[in-house]
């Protein structure tokens, strides 16, 4: 006879040391990365609004600093995604798998 998910005490799971550690590992990455990205984006917006001379400085041909910084916004998004996937694979997924297997093992 297999137990259903209704038999699992989810409050107890959330309060377990492993789950608390999983949330800590996630927050340790997400909060600083979010603040860094928002700060970087805010800097770009402020420069675009108040530093017209700097942003229109030619870098090469018709390419100016504003265009380069705008494209770097996309690059930083891809970099953050790459870093998160790597962090999740190393720090989050193994612990999440362990928790899930323990829970599923209890149901069998």
N, C-alpha and C. Protein backbone atom coordinates (compact mmCIF):
# COMPACT_ATOMS: atom_id res chain seq x y z
N UNK A 1 0.85 -1.18 0.00
CA UNK A 1 0.00 0.00 0.00
C UNK A 1 0.89 1.24 0.00
N UNK A 2 0.62 2.16 -0.89
CA UNK A 2 1.42 3.38 -0.97
C UNK A 2 0.68 4.53 -0.33
N UNK A 3 1.44 5.35 0.35
CA UNK A 3 0.85 6.53 0.98
C UNK A 3 0.76 7.65 -0.04
N UNK A 4 -0.24 8.48 0.09
CA UNK A 4 -0.39 9.61 -0.83
C UNK A 4 0.29 10.84 -0.25
N UNK A 5 0.36 11.88 -1.07
CA UNK A 5 0.98 13.12 -0.59
C UNK A 5 0.16 13.75 0.52
N UNK A 6 -1.09 13.32 0.67
CA UNK A 6 -1.92 13.83 1.75
C UNK A 6 -1.41 13.36 3.11
N UNK A 7 -0.67 12.24 3.11
CA UNK A 7 -0.13 11.70 4.34
C UNK A 7 1.16 12.39 4.78
N UNK A 8 1.74 13.20 3.91
CA UNK A 8 2.99 13.88 4.21
C UNK A 8 2.71 15.14 5.01
N UNK A 9 3.44 15.32 6.08
CA UNK A 9 3.32 16.53 6.88
C UNK A 9 4.23 17.60 6.27
N UNK A 10 3.65 18.44 5.41
CA UNK A 10 4.45 19.42 4.65
C UNK A 10 5.05 20.49 5.55
N UNK A 11 4.42 20.82 6.64
CA UNK A 11 5.00 21.79 7.58
C UNK A 11 6.28 21.21 8.18
N UNK A 12 6.25 19.93 8.51
CA UNK A 12 7.44 19.28 9.05
C UNK A 12 8.55 19.25 8.00
N UNK A 13 8.18 19.00 6.74
CA UNK A 13 9.18 18.99 5.66
C UNK A 13 9.80 20.38 5.53
N UNK A 14 8.98 21.42 5.54
CA UNK A 14 9.48 22.78 5.40
C UNK A 14 10.38 23.20 6.56
N UNK A 15 10.15 22.64 7.72
CA UNK A 15 10.94 22.99 8.89
C UNK A 15 12.16 22.09 9.07
N UNK A 16 12.31 21.10 8.21
CA UNK A 16 13.45 20.18 8.34
C UNK A 16 14.75 20.91 8.03
N UNK A 17 15.82 20.41 8.60
CA UNK A 17 17.14 21.05 8.43
C UNK A 17 17.56 21.08 6.96
N UNK A 18 17.29 20.01 6.23
CA UNK A 18 17.68 19.97 4.82
C UNK A 18 16.91 21.00 3.99
N UNK A 19 15.62 21.13 4.24
CA UNK A 19 14.82 22.08 3.48
C UNK A 19 15.22 23.52 3.81
N UNK A 20 15.48 23.77 5.08
CA UNK A 20 15.95 25.11 5.50
C UNK A 20 17.29 25.41 4.82
N UNK A 21 18.16 24.42 4.74
CA UNK A 21 19.45 24.60 4.06
C UNK A 21 19.25 24.85 2.57
N UNK A 22 18.31 24.15 1.96
CA UNK A 22 18.02 24.36 0.54
C UNK A 22 17.54 25.79 0.28
N UNK A 23 16.65 26.29 1.13
CA UNK A 23 16.18 27.67 0.98
C UNK A 23 17.33 28.66 1.20
N UNK A 24 18.20 28.38 2.15
CA UNK A 24 19.34 29.26 2.43
C UNK A 24 20.27 29.32 1.23
N UNK A 25 20.55 28.18 0.63
CA UNK A 25 21.42 28.14 -0.55
C UNK A 25 20.80 28.93 -1.72
N UNK A 26 19.51 28.79 -1.90
CA UNK A 26 18.83 29.51 -2.97
C UNK A 26 18.89 31.01 -2.73
N UNK A 27 18.55 31.42 -1.53
CA UNK A 27 18.56 32.85 -1.20
C UNK A 27 19.95 33.46 -1.26
N UNK A 28 20.96 32.66 -0.88
CA UNK A 28 22.34 33.15 -0.91
C UNK A 28 22.77 33.52 -2.33
N UNK A 29 22.18 32.88 -3.31
CA UNK A 29 22.48 33.22 -4.71
C UNK A 29 21.52 34.28 -5.24
N UNK A 30 20.23 34.08 -5.03
CA UNK A 30 19.22 34.91 -5.69
C UNK A 30 19.24 36.36 -5.21
N UNK A 31 19.29 36.59 -3.93
CA UNK A 31 19.21 37.97 -3.43
C UNK A 31 20.39 38.84 -3.87
N UNK A 32 21.63 38.40 -3.69
CA UNK A 32 22.74 39.24 -4.16
C UNK A 32 22.73 39.45 -5.67
N UNK A 33 22.39 38.39 -6.42
CA UNK A 33 22.38 38.51 -7.88
C UNK A 33 21.28 39.46 -8.33
N UNK A 34 20.14 39.41 -7.69
CA UNK A 34 19.05 40.32 -8.02
C UNK A 34 19.43 41.76 -7.73
N UNK A 35 20.03 41.99 -6.56
CA UNK A 35 20.46 43.35 -6.22
C UNK A 35 21.52 43.85 -7.19
N UNK A 36 22.46 42.99 -7.55
CA UNK A 36 23.51 43.39 -8.50
C UNK A 36 22.91 43.74 -9.86
N UNK A 37 21.98 42.92 -10.34
CA UNK A 37 21.40 43.18 -11.65
C UNK A 37 20.55 44.45 -11.62
N UNK A 38 19.74 44.61 -10.58
CA UNK A 38 18.91 45.82 -10.50
C UNK A 38 19.77 47.08 -10.38
N UNK A 39 20.87 46.99 -9.63
CA UNK A 39 21.79 48.12 -9.53
C UNK A 39 22.42 48.44 -10.87
N UNK A 40 22.83 47.42 -11.61
CA UNK A 40 23.42 47.59 -12.93
C UNK A 40 22.40 48.20 -13.89
N UNK A 41 21.16 47.71 -13.83
CA UNK A 41 20.12 48.24 -14.71
C UNK A 41 19.80 49.70 -14.35
N UNK A 42 19.70 49.99 -13.06
CA UNK A 42 19.42 51.35 -12.62
C UNK A 42 20.55 52.30 -13.07
N UNK A 43 21.79 51.85 -12.97
CA UNK A 43 22.91 52.66 -13.45
C UNK A 43 22.76 52.97 -14.93
N UNK A 44 22.39 51.98 -15.71
CA UNK A 44 22.19 52.17 -17.15
C UNK A 44 21.09 53.20 -17.41
N UNK A 45 19.98 53.08 -16.70
CA UNK A 45 18.86 54.01 -16.90
C UNK A 45 19.26 55.43 -16.49
N UNK A 46 19.93 55.56 -15.36
CA UNK A 46 20.35 56.89 -14.90
C UNK A 46 21.35 57.51 -15.88
N UNK A 47 22.30 56.74 -16.34
CA UNK A 47 23.26 57.24 -17.33
C UNK A 47 22.54 57.65 -18.61
N UNK A 48 21.59 56.86 -19.05
CA UNK A 48 20.86 57.17 -20.28
C UNK A 48 20.06 58.47 -20.13
N UNK A 49 19.60 58.75 -18.93
CA UNK A 49 18.77 59.94 -18.72
C UNK A 49 19.60 61.19 -18.41
N UNK A 50 20.68 61.03 -17.66
CA UNK A 50 21.41 62.20 -17.18
C UNK A 50 22.82 62.38 -17.76
N UNK A 51 23.35 61.40 -18.46
CA UNK A 51 24.71 61.51 -18.98
C UNK A 51 24.70 61.34 -20.50
N UNK A 52 23.96 62.20 -21.16
CA UNK A 52 23.82 62.10 -22.62
C UNK A 52 25.17 62.18 -23.33
N UNK A 53 26.02 63.07 -22.87
CA UNK A 53 27.33 63.22 -23.50
C UNK A 53 28.15 61.95 -23.40
N UNK A 54 28.17 61.36 -22.21
CA UNK A 54 28.92 60.11 -22.01
C UNK A 54 28.33 58.98 -22.84
N UNK A 55 27.02 58.84 -22.80
CA UNK A 55 26.36 57.73 -23.49
C UNK A 55 26.49 57.85 -25.02
N UNK A 56 26.64 59.07 -25.53
CA UNK A 56 26.75 59.25 -26.98
C UNK A 56 28.20 59.26 -27.46
N UNK A 57 29.13 58.99 -26.55
CA UNK A 57 30.54 58.92 -26.93
C UNK A 57 30.75 57.75 -27.90
N UNK A 58 31.34 58.05 -29.03
CA UNK A 58 31.59 57.02 -30.05
C UNK A 58 32.68 56.07 -29.57
N UNK A 59 32.43 54.79 -29.74
CA UNK A 59 33.39 53.76 -29.39
C UNK A 59 34.09 53.28 -30.66
N UNK A 60 33.29 53.02 -31.68
CA UNK A 60 33.81 52.54 -32.95
C UNK A 60 32.76 52.78 -34.02
N UNK A 61 33.05 53.56 -35.00
CA UNK A 61 32.09 53.88 -36.06
C UNK A 61 30.87 54.56 -35.48
N UNK A 62 29.70 54.01 -35.77
CA UNK A 62 28.45 54.55 -35.24
C UNK A 62 28.04 53.92 -33.91
N UNK A 63 28.88 53.10 -33.35
CA UNK A 63 28.58 52.43 -32.08
C UNK A 63 29.04 53.33 -30.94
N UNK A 64 28.10 53.64 -30.04
CA UNK A 64 28.43 54.51 -28.91
C UNK A 64 28.34 53.75 -27.60
N UNK A 65 28.72 54.42 -26.51
CA UNK A 65 28.74 53.80 -25.19
C UNK A 65 27.33 53.33 -24.79
N UNK A 66 26.30 54.11 -25.10
CA UNK A 66 24.94 53.73 -24.76
C UNK A 66 24.53 52.41 -25.40
N UNK A 67 24.88 52.22 -26.66
CA UNK A 67 24.56 50.97 -27.35
C UNK A 67 25.32 49.81 -26.73
N UNK A 68 26.59 50.02 -26.44
CA UNK A 68 27.40 48.96 -25.83
C UNK A 68 26.82 48.56 -24.47
N UNK A 69 26.50 49.56 -23.64
CA UNK A 69 25.93 49.25 -22.32
C UNK A 69 24.57 48.59 -22.44
N UNK A 70 23.77 49.01 -23.42
CA UNK A 70 22.47 48.37 -23.64
C UNK A 70 22.63 46.91 -24.03
N UNK A 71 23.57 46.61 -24.91
CA UNK A 71 23.82 45.23 -25.29
C UNK A 71 24.38 44.42 -24.13
N UNK A 72 25.16 45.09 -23.28
CA UNK A 72 25.69 44.39 -22.10
C UNK A 72 24.58 44.01 -21.12
N UNK A 73 23.45 44.71 -21.16
CA UNK A 73 22.30 44.31 -20.35
C UNK A 73 21.86 42.89 -20.75
N UNK A 74 21.79 42.64 -22.05
CA UNK A 74 21.44 41.30 -22.51
C UNK A 74 22.50 40.29 -22.12
N UNK A 75 23.76 40.65 -22.30
CA UNK A 75 24.85 39.74 -21.95
C UNK A 75 24.82 39.40 -20.46
N UNK A 76 24.54 40.40 -19.62
CA UNK A 76 24.50 40.13 -18.18
C UNK A 76 23.34 39.21 -17.82
N UNK A 77 22.23 39.32 -18.55
CA UNK A 77 21.10 38.41 -18.31
C UNK A 77 21.50 36.98 -18.61
N UNK A 78 22.18 36.77 -19.74
CA UNK A 78 22.63 35.43 -20.09
C UNK A 78 23.67 34.92 -19.09
N UNK A 79 24.55 35.80 -18.63
CA UNK A 79 25.55 35.41 -17.64
C UNK A 79 24.90 34.98 -16.33
N UNK A 80 23.92 35.76 -15.88
CA UNK A 80 23.23 35.40 -14.64
C UNK A 80 22.52 34.06 -14.80
N UNK A 81 21.90 33.84 -15.95
CA UNK A 81 21.23 32.56 -16.20
C UNK A 81 22.23 31.42 -16.14
N UNK A 82 23.37 31.59 -16.78
CA UNK A 82 24.42 30.56 -16.76
C UNK A 82 24.88 30.29 -15.33
N UNK A 83 25.13 31.37 -14.58
CA UNK A 83 25.59 31.20 -13.19
C UNK A 83 24.55 30.52 -12.32
N UNK A 84 23.27 30.84 -12.55
CA UNK A 84 22.21 30.19 -11.76
C UNK A 84 22.12 28.70 -12.09
N UNK A 85 22.18 28.36 -13.37
CA UNK A 85 22.10 26.95 -13.75
C UNK A 85 23.26 26.17 -13.14
N UNK A 86 24.44 26.77 -13.16
CA UNK A 86 25.61 26.12 -12.56
C UNK A 86 25.43 25.98 -11.04
N UNK A 87 24.96 27.05 -10.40
CA UNK A 87 24.74 27.02 -8.95
C UNK A 87 23.68 25.98 -8.59
N UNK A 88 22.60 25.95 -9.35
CA UNK A 88 21.54 24.99 -9.08
C UNK A 88 22.05 23.56 -9.23
N UNK A 89 22.82 23.32 -10.28
CA UNK A 89 23.35 21.97 -10.50
C UNK A 89 24.30 21.51 -9.41
N UNK A 90 25.06 22.44 -8.86
CA UNK A 90 26.04 22.08 -7.82
C UNK A 90 25.48 22.12 -6.41
N UNK A 91 24.67 23.12 -6.13
CA UNK A 91 24.26 23.39 -4.74
C UNK A 91 22.81 23.02 -4.43
N UNK A 92 21.91 23.21 -5.38
CA UNK A 92 20.49 23.05 -5.09
C UNK A 92 19.95 21.68 -5.48
N UNK A 93 20.22 21.26 -6.70
CA UNK A 93 19.64 20.02 -7.20
C UNK A 93 20.00 18.78 -6.39
N UNK A 94 21.26 18.61 -5.98
CA UNK A 94 21.56 17.41 -5.19
C UNK A 94 20.77 17.35 -3.88
N UNK A 95 20.67 18.47 -3.20
CA UNK A 95 19.93 18.49 -1.95
C UNK A 95 18.43 18.32 -2.19
N UNK A 96 17.90 18.96 -3.22
CA UNK A 96 16.48 18.82 -3.55
C UNK A 96 16.15 17.37 -3.93
N UNK A 97 17.05 16.74 -4.65
CA UNK A 97 16.85 15.33 -5.03
C UNK A 97 16.85 14.45 -3.79
N UNK A 98 17.76 14.73 -2.89
CA UNK A 98 17.82 13.95 -1.65
C UNK A 98 16.52 14.09 -0.84
N UNK A 99 16.03 15.31 -0.73
CA UNK A 99 14.78 15.54 0.00
C UNK A 99 13.62 14.82 -0.68
N UNK A 100 13.54 14.97 -2.01
CA UNK A 100 12.45 14.34 -2.76
C UNK A 100 12.50 12.83 -2.65
N UNK A 101 13.70 12.25 -2.79
CA UNK A 101 13.82 10.79 -2.69
C UNK A 101 13.44 10.30 -1.31
N UNK A 102 13.81 11.06 -0.29
CA UNK A 102 13.44 10.69 1.07
C UNK A 102 11.92 10.70 1.23
N UNK A 103 11.27 11.73 0.68
CA UNK A 103 9.82 11.81 0.77
C UNK A 103 9.13 10.71 -0.03
N UNK A 104 9.62 10.48 -1.24
CA UNK A 104 9.03 9.43 -2.07
C UNK A 104 9.29 8.05 -1.49
N UNK A 105 10.44 7.90 -0.84
CA UNK A 105 10.75 6.62 -0.20
C UNK A 105 9.82 6.35 0.96
N UNK A 106 9.41 7.43 1.66
CA UNK A 106 8.46 7.27 2.77
C UNK A 106 7.09 6.85 2.28
N UNK A 107 6.78 7.15 1.05
CA UNK A 107 5.46 6.82 0.51
C UNK A 107 5.37 5.39 -0.01
N UNK A 108 6.53 4.77 -0.23
CA UNK A 108 6.53 3.43 -0.83
C UNK A 108 6.32 2.36 0.19
